[in-house]
N, C-alpha and C. Protein backbone atom coordinates (compact mmCIF):
# COMPACT_ATOMS: atom_id res chain seq x y z
N MET A 1 0.85 -1.17 0.00
CA MET A 1 0.00 0.00 0.00
C MET A 1 0.90 1.24 0.00
N SER A 2 0.65 2.15 -0.93
CA SER A 2 1.46 3.36 -0.98
C SER A 2 0.80 4.47 -0.17
N TYR A 3 1.63 5.31 0.38
CA TYR A 3 1.17 6.42 1.19
C TYR A 3 1.22 7.69 0.36
N ARG A 4 0.13 8.41 0.32
CA ARG A 4 0.09 9.70 -0.36
C ARG A 4 -0.29 10.76 0.64
N ARG A 5 0.46 11.85 0.61
CA ARG A 5 0.10 12.98 1.46
C ARG A 5 -1.19 13.60 0.95
N PRO A 6 -1.96 14.22 1.83
CA PRO A 6 -3.20 14.85 1.37
C PRO A 6 -2.89 15.95 0.36
N VAL A 7 -3.74 16.05 -0.63
CA VAL A 7 -3.58 17.07 -1.66
C VAL A 7 -3.93 18.43 -1.07
N THR A 8 -3.03 19.38 -1.22
CA THR A 8 -3.27 20.69 -0.65
C THR A 8 -3.43 21.78 -1.71
N LYS A 9 -2.72 21.68 -2.81
CA LYS A 9 -2.77 22.72 -3.82
C LYS A 9 -2.83 22.12 -5.20
N VAL A 10 -3.34 22.94 -6.12
CA VAL A 10 -3.37 22.54 -7.52
C VAL A 10 -2.11 23.07 -8.19
N LEU A 11 -1.43 22.19 -8.90
CA LEU A 11 -0.25 22.56 -9.69
C LEU A 11 -0.62 22.58 -11.15
N GLY A 12 -0.47 23.72 -11.78
CA GLY A 12 -0.63 23.80 -13.22
C GLY A 12 0.65 23.26 -13.85
N LEU A 13 0.60 22.04 -14.33
CA LEU A 13 1.76 21.39 -14.94
C LEU A 13 1.62 21.50 -16.45
N VAL A 14 2.55 22.22 -17.05
CA VAL A 14 2.49 22.53 -18.48
C VAL A 14 3.74 21.95 -19.13
N ALA A 15 3.59 21.39 -20.34
CA ALA A 15 4.74 20.80 -21.02
C ALA A 15 4.67 21.07 -22.51
N SER A 16 5.86 21.23 -23.09
CA SER A 16 5.98 21.33 -24.54
C SER A 16 6.81 20.15 -25.03
N SER A 17 6.93 20.02 -26.33
CA SER A 17 7.63 18.87 -26.89
C SER A 17 9.14 19.13 -26.91
N CYS A 18 9.85 18.34 -26.12
CA CYS A 18 11.32 18.38 -26.04
C CYS A 18 11.80 16.96 -25.85
N GLY A 19 13.08 16.78 -26.05
CA GLY A 19 13.67 15.48 -25.80
C GLY A 19 13.42 15.04 -24.36
N GLY A 20 13.00 13.81 -24.20
CA GLY A 20 12.72 13.28 -22.87
C GLY A 20 11.27 13.37 -22.46
N LEU A 21 10.47 14.15 -23.18
CA LEU A 21 9.06 14.28 -22.82
C LEU A 21 8.40 12.91 -22.75
N ASP A 22 8.63 12.11 -23.76
CA ASP A 22 7.97 10.81 -23.85
C ASP A 22 8.50 9.78 -22.86
N THR A 23 9.70 9.97 -22.35
CA THR A 23 10.27 8.98 -21.44
C THR A 23 10.39 9.47 -20.00
N ARG A 24 10.39 10.79 -19.77
CA ARG A 24 10.66 11.31 -18.43
C ARG A 24 9.54 12.13 -17.81
N PHE A 25 8.62 12.66 -18.60
CA PHE A 25 7.63 13.57 -18.06
C PHE A 25 6.76 12.92 -16.98
N VAL A 26 6.28 11.74 -17.26
CA VAL A 26 5.41 11.06 -16.29
C VAL A 26 6.22 10.63 -15.07
N THR A 27 7.35 9.98 -15.28
CA THR A 27 8.10 9.39 -14.16
C THR A 27 8.92 10.40 -13.38
N ASP A 28 9.42 11.44 -14.03
CA ASP A 28 10.32 12.38 -13.36
C ASP A 28 9.65 13.67 -12.89
N LEU A 29 8.46 13.97 -13.41
CA LEU A 29 7.77 15.20 -12.99
C LEU A 29 6.36 14.96 -12.47
N ALA A 30 5.51 14.38 -13.30
CA ALA A 30 4.10 14.25 -12.91
C ALA A 30 3.90 13.34 -11.70
N ALA A 31 4.42 12.13 -11.76
CA ALA A 31 4.23 11.20 -10.63
C ALA A 31 4.88 11.72 -9.34
N PRO A 32 6.11 12.24 -9.38
CA PRO A 32 6.68 12.79 -8.14
C PRO A 32 5.90 14.00 -7.60
N ALA A 33 5.30 14.80 -8.49
CA ALA A 33 4.48 15.92 -8.03
C ALA A 33 3.27 15.41 -7.25
N VAL A 34 2.64 14.37 -7.75
CA VAL A 34 1.50 13.77 -7.06
C VAL A 34 1.95 13.21 -5.71
N GLU A 35 3.09 12.55 -5.69
CA GLU A 35 3.62 12.00 -4.43
C GLU A 35 3.90 13.10 -3.41
N ARG A 36 4.19 14.30 -3.88
CA ARG A 36 4.44 15.43 -2.98
C ARG A 36 3.15 16.14 -2.57
N GLY A 37 2.02 15.64 -3.03
CA GLY A 37 0.74 16.19 -2.59
C GLY A 37 0.07 17.15 -3.53
N TRP A 38 0.56 17.30 -4.75
CA TRP A 38 -0.05 18.22 -5.70
C TRP A 38 -1.19 17.54 -6.44
N ARG A 39 -2.25 18.29 -6.69
CA ARG A 39 -3.31 17.89 -7.61
C ARG A 39 -2.95 18.51 -8.95
N LEU A 40 -2.87 17.71 -9.99
CA LEU A 40 -2.34 18.18 -11.27
C LEU A 40 -3.43 18.68 -12.21
N ALA A 41 -3.24 19.90 -12.70
CA ALA A 41 -4.03 20.47 -13.79
C ALA A 41 -3.06 20.55 -14.97
N ILE A 42 -3.10 19.56 -15.85
CA ILE A 42 -2.08 19.40 -16.89
C ILE A 42 -2.55 19.98 -18.21
N THR A 43 -1.67 20.81 -18.80
CA THR A 43 -1.93 21.38 -20.12
C THR A 43 -0.68 21.14 -20.97
N LEU A 44 -0.88 20.61 -22.15
CA LEU A 44 0.21 20.27 -23.05
C LEU A 44 0.10 21.08 -24.34
N THR A 45 1.25 21.38 -24.94
CA THR A 45 1.19 21.93 -26.29
C THR A 45 0.63 20.84 -27.20
N PRO A 46 0.05 21.20 -28.33
CA PRO A 46 -0.50 20.17 -29.22
C PRO A 46 0.53 19.10 -29.62
N THR A 47 1.75 19.50 -29.90
CA THR A 47 2.77 18.52 -30.29
C THR A 47 3.13 17.62 -29.11
N ALA A 48 3.22 18.16 -27.92
CA ALA A 48 3.51 17.33 -26.74
C ALA A 48 2.40 16.31 -26.53
N ALA A 49 1.15 16.73 -26.71
CA ALA A 49 0.03 15.80 -26.56
C ALA A 49 0.12 14.69 -27.59
N ARG A 50 0.47 15.04 -28.82
CA ARG A 50 0.59 14.03 -29.87
C ARG A 50 1.71 13.05 -29.56
N TRP A 51 2.85 13.55 -29.08
CA TRP A 51 3.98 12.67 -28.73
C TRP A 51 3.56 11.70 -27.63
N LEU A 52 2.92 12.22 -26.59
CA LEU A 52 2.53 11.35 -25.47
C LEU A 52 1.44 10.36 -25.88
N HIS A 53 0.56 10.78 -26.74
CA HIS A 53 -0.47 9.86 -27.25
C HIS A 53 0.17 8.73 -28.05
N GLU A 54 1.06 9.07 -28.95
CA GLU A 54 1.70 8.07 -29.82
C GLU A 54 2.55 7.07 -29.04
N THR A 55 3.11 7.48 -27.92
CA THR A 55 3.95 6.57 -27.12
C THR A 55 3.16 5.86 -26.04
N GLY A 56 1.85 6.13 -25.95
CA GLY A 56 1.02 5.48 -24.94
C GLY A 56 1.14 6.09 -23.55
N LYS A 57 1.86 7.19 -23.42
CA LYS A 57 2.07 7.81 -22.10
C LYS A 57 0.95 8.76 -21.69
N LEU A 58 0.10 9.14 -22.63
CA LEU A 58 -0.98 10.06 -22.29
C LEU A 58 -1.94 9.41 -21.29
N ALA A 59 -2.22 8.14 -21.47
CA ALA A 59 -3.09 7.42 -20.52
C ALA A 59 -2.44 7.33 -19.14
N ASP A 60 -1.13 7.11 -19.10
CA ASP A 60 -0.41 7.07 -17.82
C ASP A 60 -0.51 8.42 -17.12
N LEU A 61 -0.41 9.48 -17.89
CA LEU A 61 -0.50 10.83 -17.35
C LEU A 61 -1.90 11.10 -16.82
N GLN A 62 -2.91 10.74 -17.59
CA GLN A 62 -4.29 10.97 -17.18
C GLN A 62 -4.61 10.22 -15.89
N ALA A 63 -3.99 9.06 -15.69
CA ALA A 63 -4.24 8.26 -14.48
C ALA A 63 -3.73 8.95 -13.21
N LEU A 64 -2.90 9.96 -13.35
CA LEU A 64 -2.33 10.65 -12.19
C LEU A 64 -3.19 11.82 -11.70
N THR A 65 -4.26 12.14 -12.43
CA THR A 65 -5.06 13.30 -12.04
C THR A 65 -6.55 13.03 -12.26
N ASP A 66 -7.35 13.70 -11.46
CA ASP A 66 -8.80 13.62 -11.63
C ASP A 66 -9.31 14.67 -12.60
N LEU A 67 -8.43 15.53 -13.08
CA LEU A 67 -8.79 16.57 -14.02
C LEU A 67 -8.40 16.15 -15.43
N SER A 68 -9.06 16.69 -16.42
CA SER A 68 -8.72 16.33 -17.79
C SER A 68 -7.34 16.87 -18.16
N VAL A 69 -6.62 16.09 -18.94
CA VAL A 69 -5.36 16.55 -19.52
C VAL A 69 -5.75 17.27 -20.80
N ARG A 70 -5.37 18.54 -20.89
CA ARG A 70 -5.84 19.31 -22.03
C ARG A 70 -4.71 19.80 -22.92
N SER A 71 -5.05 19.98 -24.19
CA SER A 71 -4.09 20.54 -25.15
C SER A 71 -4.79 21.47 -26.13
N THR A 72 -6.09 21.56 -26.04
CA THR A 72 -6.84 22.45 -26.91
C THR A 72 -7.73 23.35 -26.06
N SER A 73 -8.14 24.44 -26.65
CA SER A 73 -9.02 25.36 -25.91
C SER A 73 -10.44 24.80 -25.88
N ARG A 74 -11.18 25.28 -24.91
CA ARG A 74 -12.57 24.84 -24.80
C ARG A 74 -13.42 25.67 -25.75
N LEU A 75 -14.57 25.17 -26.07
CA LEU A 75 -15.50 25.88 -26.93
C LEU A 75 -16.32 26.86 -26.09
N PRO A 76 -16.86 27.90 -26.71
CA PRO A 76 -17.72 28.82 -25.96
C PRO A 76 -18.86 28.06 -25.29
N GLY A 77 -19.13 28.39 -24.05
CA GLY A 77 -20.20 27.76 -23.31
C GLY A 77 -19.78 26.50 -22.56
N GLN A 78 -18.63 25.95 -22.88
CA GLN A 78 -18.16 24.78 -22.14
C GLN A 78 -17.58 25.23 -20.80
N PRO A 79 -17.76 24.41 -19.76
CA PRO A 79 -17.20 24.78 -18.46
C PRO A 79 -15.68 24.71 -18.47
N ARG A 80 -15.08 25.48 -17.60
CA ARG A 80 -13.61 25.46 -17.47
C ARG A 80 -13.21 24.11 -16.89
N PRO A 81 -12.25 23.42 -17.53
CA PRO A 81 -11.90 22.07 -17.10
C PRO A 81 -10.96 22.01 -15.89
N HIS A 82 -10.33 23.12 -15.57
CA HIS A 82 -9.38 23.14 -14.45
C HIS A 82 -9.70 24.27 -13.49
N PRO A 83 -9.46 24.06 -12.20
CA PRO A 83 -9.50 25.20 -11.27
C PRO A 83 -8.29 26.09 -11.56
N ASP A 84 -8.26 27.26 -10.98
CA ASP A 84 -7.16 28.19 -11.20
C ASP A 84 -5.99 27.88 -10.26
N PRO A 85 -4.90 27.31 -10.79
CA PRO A 85 -3.73 27.06 -9.94
C PRO A 85 -3.06 28.38 -9.54
N GLU A 86 -2.46 28.38 -8.37
CA GLU A 86 -1.65 29.52 -7.96
C GLU A 86 -0.19 29.29 -8.30
N VAL A 87 0.15 28.04 -8.63
CA VAL A 87 1.52 27.65 -8.92
C VAL A 87 1.54 26.87 -10.23
N PHE A 88 2.52 27.20 -11.09
CA PHE A 88 2.69 26.52 -12.37
C PHE A 88 4.13 26.05 -12.52
N LEU A 89 4.28 24.87 -13.11
CA LEU A 89 5.58 24.36 -13.53
C LEU A 89 5.48 24.08 -15.01
N PHE A 90 6.26 24.80 -15.79
CA PHE A 90 6.31 24.61 -17.23
C PHE A 90 7.58 23.83 -17.53
N ALA A 91 7.43 22.52 -17.66
CA ALA A 91 8.60 21.67 -17.87
C ALA A 91 8.17 20.36 -18.51
N PRO A 92 8.85 19.88 -19.50
CA PRO A 92 9.96 20.56 -20.16
C PRO A 92 9.43 21.68 -21.06
N ALA A 93 10.18 22.76 -21.07
CA ALA A 93 9.86 23.89 -21.93
C ALA A 93 10.93 23.96 -23.02
N SER A 94 10.49 23.95 -24.25
CA SER A 94 11.42 24.04 -25.38
C SER A 94 11.89 25.49 -25.55
N ALA A 95 12.96 25.68 -26.28
CA ALA A 95 13.45 27.03 -26.57
C ALA A 95 12.37 27.83 -27.29
N ASN A 96 11.66 27.19 -28.20
CA ASN A 96 10.58 27.85 -28.93
C ASN A 96 9.49 28.33 -27.99
N SER A 97 9.08 27.48 -27.06
CA SER A 97 8.01 27.86 -26.12
C SER A 97 8.47 28.92 -25.13
N VAL A 98 9.71 28.86 -24.69
CA VAL A 98 10.26 29.91 -23.80
C VAL A 98 10.22 31.25 -24.52
N ALA A 99 10.67 31.27 -25.78
CA ALA A 99 10.68 32.51 -26.55
C ALA A 99 9.26 33.05 -26.72
N LYS A 100 8.32 32.18 -27.06
CA LYS A 100 6.94 32.62 -27.24
C LYS A 100 6.35 33.19 -25.94
N LEU A 101 6.61 32.51 -24.83
CA LEU A 101 6.09 33.00 -23.55
C LEU A 101 6.68 34.36 -23.23
N ALA A 102 7.97 34.53 -23.44
CA ALA A 102 8.62 35.81 -23.16
C ALA A 102 8.08 36.92 -24.06
N LEU A 103 7.73 36.59 -25.28
CA LEU A 103 7.23 37.58 -26.23
C LEU A 103 5.71 37.79 -26.16
N GLY A 104 5.04 36.99 -25.33
CA GLY A 104 3.59 37.13 -25.20
C GLY A 104 2.80 36.45 -26.30
N ILE A 105 3.42 35.52 -27.00
CA ILE A 105 2.73 34.80 -28.07
C ILE A 105 1.99 33.61 -27.47
N ALA A 106 0.68 33.61 -27.64
CA ALA A 106 -0.15 32.56 -27.06
C ALA A 106 -0.88 31.84 -28.19
N ASP A 107 -0.14 31.06 -28.96
CA ASP A 107 -0.72 30.41 -30.13
C ASP A 107 -1.17 28.97 -29.87
N ASN A 108 -1.18 28.56 -28.60
CA ASN A 108 -1.75 27.26 -28.22
C ASN A 108 -2.25 27.37 -26.79
N GLN A 109 -3.00 26.37 -26.34
CA GLN A 109 -3.63 26.44 -25.02
C GLN A 109 -2.60 26.53 -23.90
N ALA A 110 -1.50 25.80 -24.02
CA ALA A 110 -0.48 25.82 -22.97
C ALA A 110 0.09 27.22 -22.76
N LEU A 111 0.44 27.89 -23.85
CA LEU A 111 1.00 29.23 -23.72
C LEU A 111 -0.06 30.26 -23.34
N THR A 112 -1.30 30.02 -23.71
CA THR A 112 -2.39 30.90 -23.29
C THR A 112 -2.55 30.84 -21.77
N VAL A 113 -2.56 29.63 -21.23
CA VAL A 113 -2.71 29.47 -19.78
C VAL A 113 -1.59 30.21 -19.05
N LEU A 114 -0.36 30.02 -19.49
CA LEU A 114 0.77 30.67 -18.82
C LEU A 114 0.77 32.19 -19.03
N GLY A 115 0.48 32.61 -20.25
CA GLY A 115 0.45 34.04 -20.52
C GLY A 115 -0.61 34.78 -19.72
N ASP A 116 -1.72 34.11 -19.46
CA ASP A 116 -2.80 34.73 -18.68
C ASP A 116 -2.42 34.95 -17.22
N VAL A 117 -1.48 34.18 -16.68
CA VAL A 117 -1.14 34.29 -15.26
C VAL A 117 0.26 34.87 -15.02
N LEU A 118 0.98 35.17 -16.10
CA LEU A 118 2.33 35.71 -15.97
C LEU A 118 2.29 37.01 -15.16
N GLY A 119 3.03 37.05 -14.10
CA GLY A 119 3.06 38.22 -13.24
C GLY A 119 2.08 38.17 -12.07
N SER A 120 1.15 37.20 -12.08
CA SER A 120 0.19 37.11 -10.98
C SER A 120 0.20 35.76 -10.27
N ALA A 121 0.89 34.79 -10.81
CA ALA A 121 0.99 33.46 -10.19
C ALA A 121 2.46 33.07 -10.14
N THR A 122 2.75 32.11 -9.29
CA THR A 122 4.11 31.57 -9.23
C THR A 122 4.33 30.67 -10.43
N ILE A 123 5.38 30.95 -11.20
CA ILE A 123 5.70 30.13 -12.37
C ILE A 123 7.17 29.74 -12.30
N VAL A 124 7.42 28.44 -12.45
CA VAL A 124 8.77 27.93 -12.62
C VAL A 124 8.84 27.37 -14.04
N VAL A 125 9.84 27.79 -14.80
CA VAL A 125 10.05 27.27 -16.14
C VAL A 125 11.29 26.40 -16.11
N GLY A 126 11.10 25.13 -16.38
CA GLY A 126 12.21 24.19 -16.50
C GLY A 126 12.46 23.96 -17.98
N TYR A 127 13.47 24.63 -18.51
CA TYR A 127 13.69 24.55 -19.96
C TYR A 127 14.72 23.48 -20.30
N GLN A 128 14.54 22.91 -21.47
CA GLN A 128 15.45 21.89 -21.98
C GLN A 128 15.94 22.38 -23.33
N VAL A 129 17.20 22.77 -23.40
CA VAL A 129 17.76 23.30 -24.64
C VAL A 129 19.16 22.74 -24.86
N LEU A 130 19.59 22.79 -26.11
CA LEU A 130 20.96 22.42 -26.44
C LEU A 130 21.91 23.50 -25.95
N ASP A 131 23.15 23.15 -25.67
CA ASP A 131 24.15 24.12 -25.24
C ASP A 131 24.30 25.26 -26.24
N SER A 132 24.15 24.97 -27.52
CA SER A 132 24.30 25.99 -28.55
C SER A 132 23.27 27.11 -28.44
N ARG A 133 22.14 26.85 -27.77
CA ARG A 133 21.10 27.87 -27.61
C ARG A 133 21.62 29.08 -26.86
N PHE A 134 22.57 28.88 -25.96
CA PHE A 134 23.09 29.99 -25.15
C PHE A 134 23.86 31.00 -25.99
N ALA A 135 24.28 30.61 -27.18
CA ALA A 135 24.99 31.54 -28.07
C ALA A 135 24.02 32.38 -28.91
N HIS A 136 22.75 32.02 -28.92
CA HIS A 136 21.78 32.79 -29.70
C HIS A 136 21.60 34.16 -29.05
N PRO A 137 21.66 35.23 -29.84
CA PRO A 137 21.61 36.57 -29.25
C PRO A 137 20.32 36.91 -28.52
N ALA A 138 19.22 36.25 -28.81
CA ALA A 138 17.95 36.57 -28.16
C ALA A 138 17.69 35.72 -26.91
N TRP A 139 18.40 34.61 -26.76
CA TRP A 139 18.07 33.65 -25.70
C TRP A 139 18.11 34.28 -24.31
N GLN A 140 19.22 34.91 -23.95
CA GLN A 140 19.33 35.49 -22.61
C GLN A 140 18.27 36.55 -22.38
N GLY A 141 17.93 37.28 -23.41
CA GLY A 141 16.87 38.29 -23.29
C GLY A 141 15.52 37.67 -22.96
N HIS A 142 15.23 36.50 -23.53
CA HIS A 142 13.98 35.82 -23.21
C HIS A 142 13.95 35.41 -21.74
N LEU A 143 15.05 34.84 -21.28
CA LEU A 143 15.13 34.45 -19.86
C LEU A 143 15.02 35.67 -18.96
N ASP A 144 15.70 36.76 -19.32
CA ASP A 144 15.65 37.98 -18.51
C ASP A 144 14.23 38.56 -18.46
N THR A 145 13.53 38.51 -19.58
CA THR A 145 12.14 39.00 -19.62
C THR A 145 11.27 38.21 -18.66
N LEU A 146 11.41 36.89 -18.72
CA LEU A 146 10.61 36.05 -17.82
C LEU A 146 10.98 36.30 -16.36
N LYS A 147 12.26 36.40 -16.08
CA LYS A 147 12.69 36.66 -14.70
C LYS A 147 12.15 38.01 -14.20
N SER A 148 12.09 39.00 -15.08
CA SER A 148 11.58 40.32 -14.67
C SER A 148 10.10 40.26 -14.33
N ALA A 149 9.40 39.23 -14.82
CA ALA A 149 7.98 39.04 -14.50
C ALA A 149 7.80 38.11 -13.30
N GLY A 150 8.91 37.75 -12.65
CA GLY A 150 8.82 36.91 -11.46
C GLY A 150 8.93 35.43 -11.71
N VAL A 151 9.20 35.04 -12.94
CA VAL A 151 9.33 33.62 -13.28
C VAL A 151 10.70 33.12 -12.85
N GLN A 152 10.73 31.96 -12.26
CA GLN A 152 12.00 31.32 -11.91
C GLN A 152 12.36 30.38 -13.05
N CYS A 153 13.50 30.62 -13.69
CA CYS A 153 13.94 29.82 -14.82
C CYS A 153 15.04 28.85 -14.37
N HIS A 154 14.93 27.62 -14.84
CA HIS A 154 15.83 26.55 -14.40
C HIS A 154 16.08 25.62 -15.58
N ARG A 155 17.32 25.33 -15.85
CA ARG A 155 17.64 24.41 -16.93
C ARG A 155 17.51 22.97 -16.44
N LEU A 156 16.70 22.19 -17.14
CA LEU A 156 16.57 20.77 -16.83
C LEU A 156 17.82 20.06 -17.34
N GLN A 157 18.41 19.25 -16.49
CA GLN A 157 19.55 18.49 -16.93
C GLN A 157 19.38 17.04 -16.53
N ASP A 158 20.25 16.52 -15.72
CA ASP A 158 20.21 15.10 -15.37
C ASP A 158 18.95 14.71 -14.62
N THR A 159 18.58 15.48 -13.63
CA THR A 159 17.43 15.16 -12.80
C THR A 159 16.34 16.20 -13.00
N TRP A 160 15.26 15.80 -13.65
CA TRP A 160 14.15 16.73 -13.86
C TRP A 160 13.40 16.97 -12.57
N THR A 161 13.40 16.01 -11.67
CA THR A 161 12.64 16.13 -10.44
C THR A 161 13.08 17.32 -9.60
N ASP A 162 14.33 17.77 -9.77
CA ASP A 162 14.79 18.91 -8.97
C ASP A 162 14.02 20.18 -9.29
N ALA A 163 13.33 20.23 -10.42
CA ALA A 163 12.49 21.40 -10.73
C ALA A 163 11.34 21.50 -9.72
N LEU A 164 10.89 20.36 -9.20
CA LEU A 164 9.82 20.37 -8.20
C LEU A 164 10.28 21.02 -6.89
N ASP A 165 11.58 20.96 -6.62
CA ASP A 165 12.12 21.58 -5.39
C ASP A 165 12.01 23.10 -5.43
N LEU A 166 11.82 23.66 -6.61
CA LEU A 166 11.72 25.12 -6.76
C LEU A 166 10.30 25.64 -6.49
N LEU A 167 9.34 24.72 -6.37
CA LEU A 167 7.96 25.12 -6.11
C LEU A 167 7.78 25.47 -4.64
N PRO A 168 6.88 26.42 -4.34
CA PRO A 168 6.66 26.78 -2.93
C PRO A 168 5.98 25.67 -2.15
């Protein structure tokens, strides 16, 4: 019998398509978050949802939460599928998604959710990028923009679970 701490807060867990999403997202982020007592409100970019569906991991992810795992916007008149989290973890976040969030581009449900709460909720961005990304002239500016809005930025490396340690 496994022991679970009582759920106290809703975590908005957001993910984009990056290396490791299909093999590490459930085991290294979602399941450990639940073990730490978080109720998961999961939103995926469309490509991340497709990757997880194709690898059979979407069902594993859905089994960790009583809320729907979403990747598309709701239709007018449909009820909101998630409560409003006060804390968000965007991980893994691709370089593309980090740039879009910093620039205010909300072209999918995942970035819309984050853009709507930027500056008013706690957000940790765990980004996964190649070393060469740091040489791009705009990259540091994107991170600085997010940090100026109160976002804590963290590079995911060997252990993705350490991003959970950054949550309040």
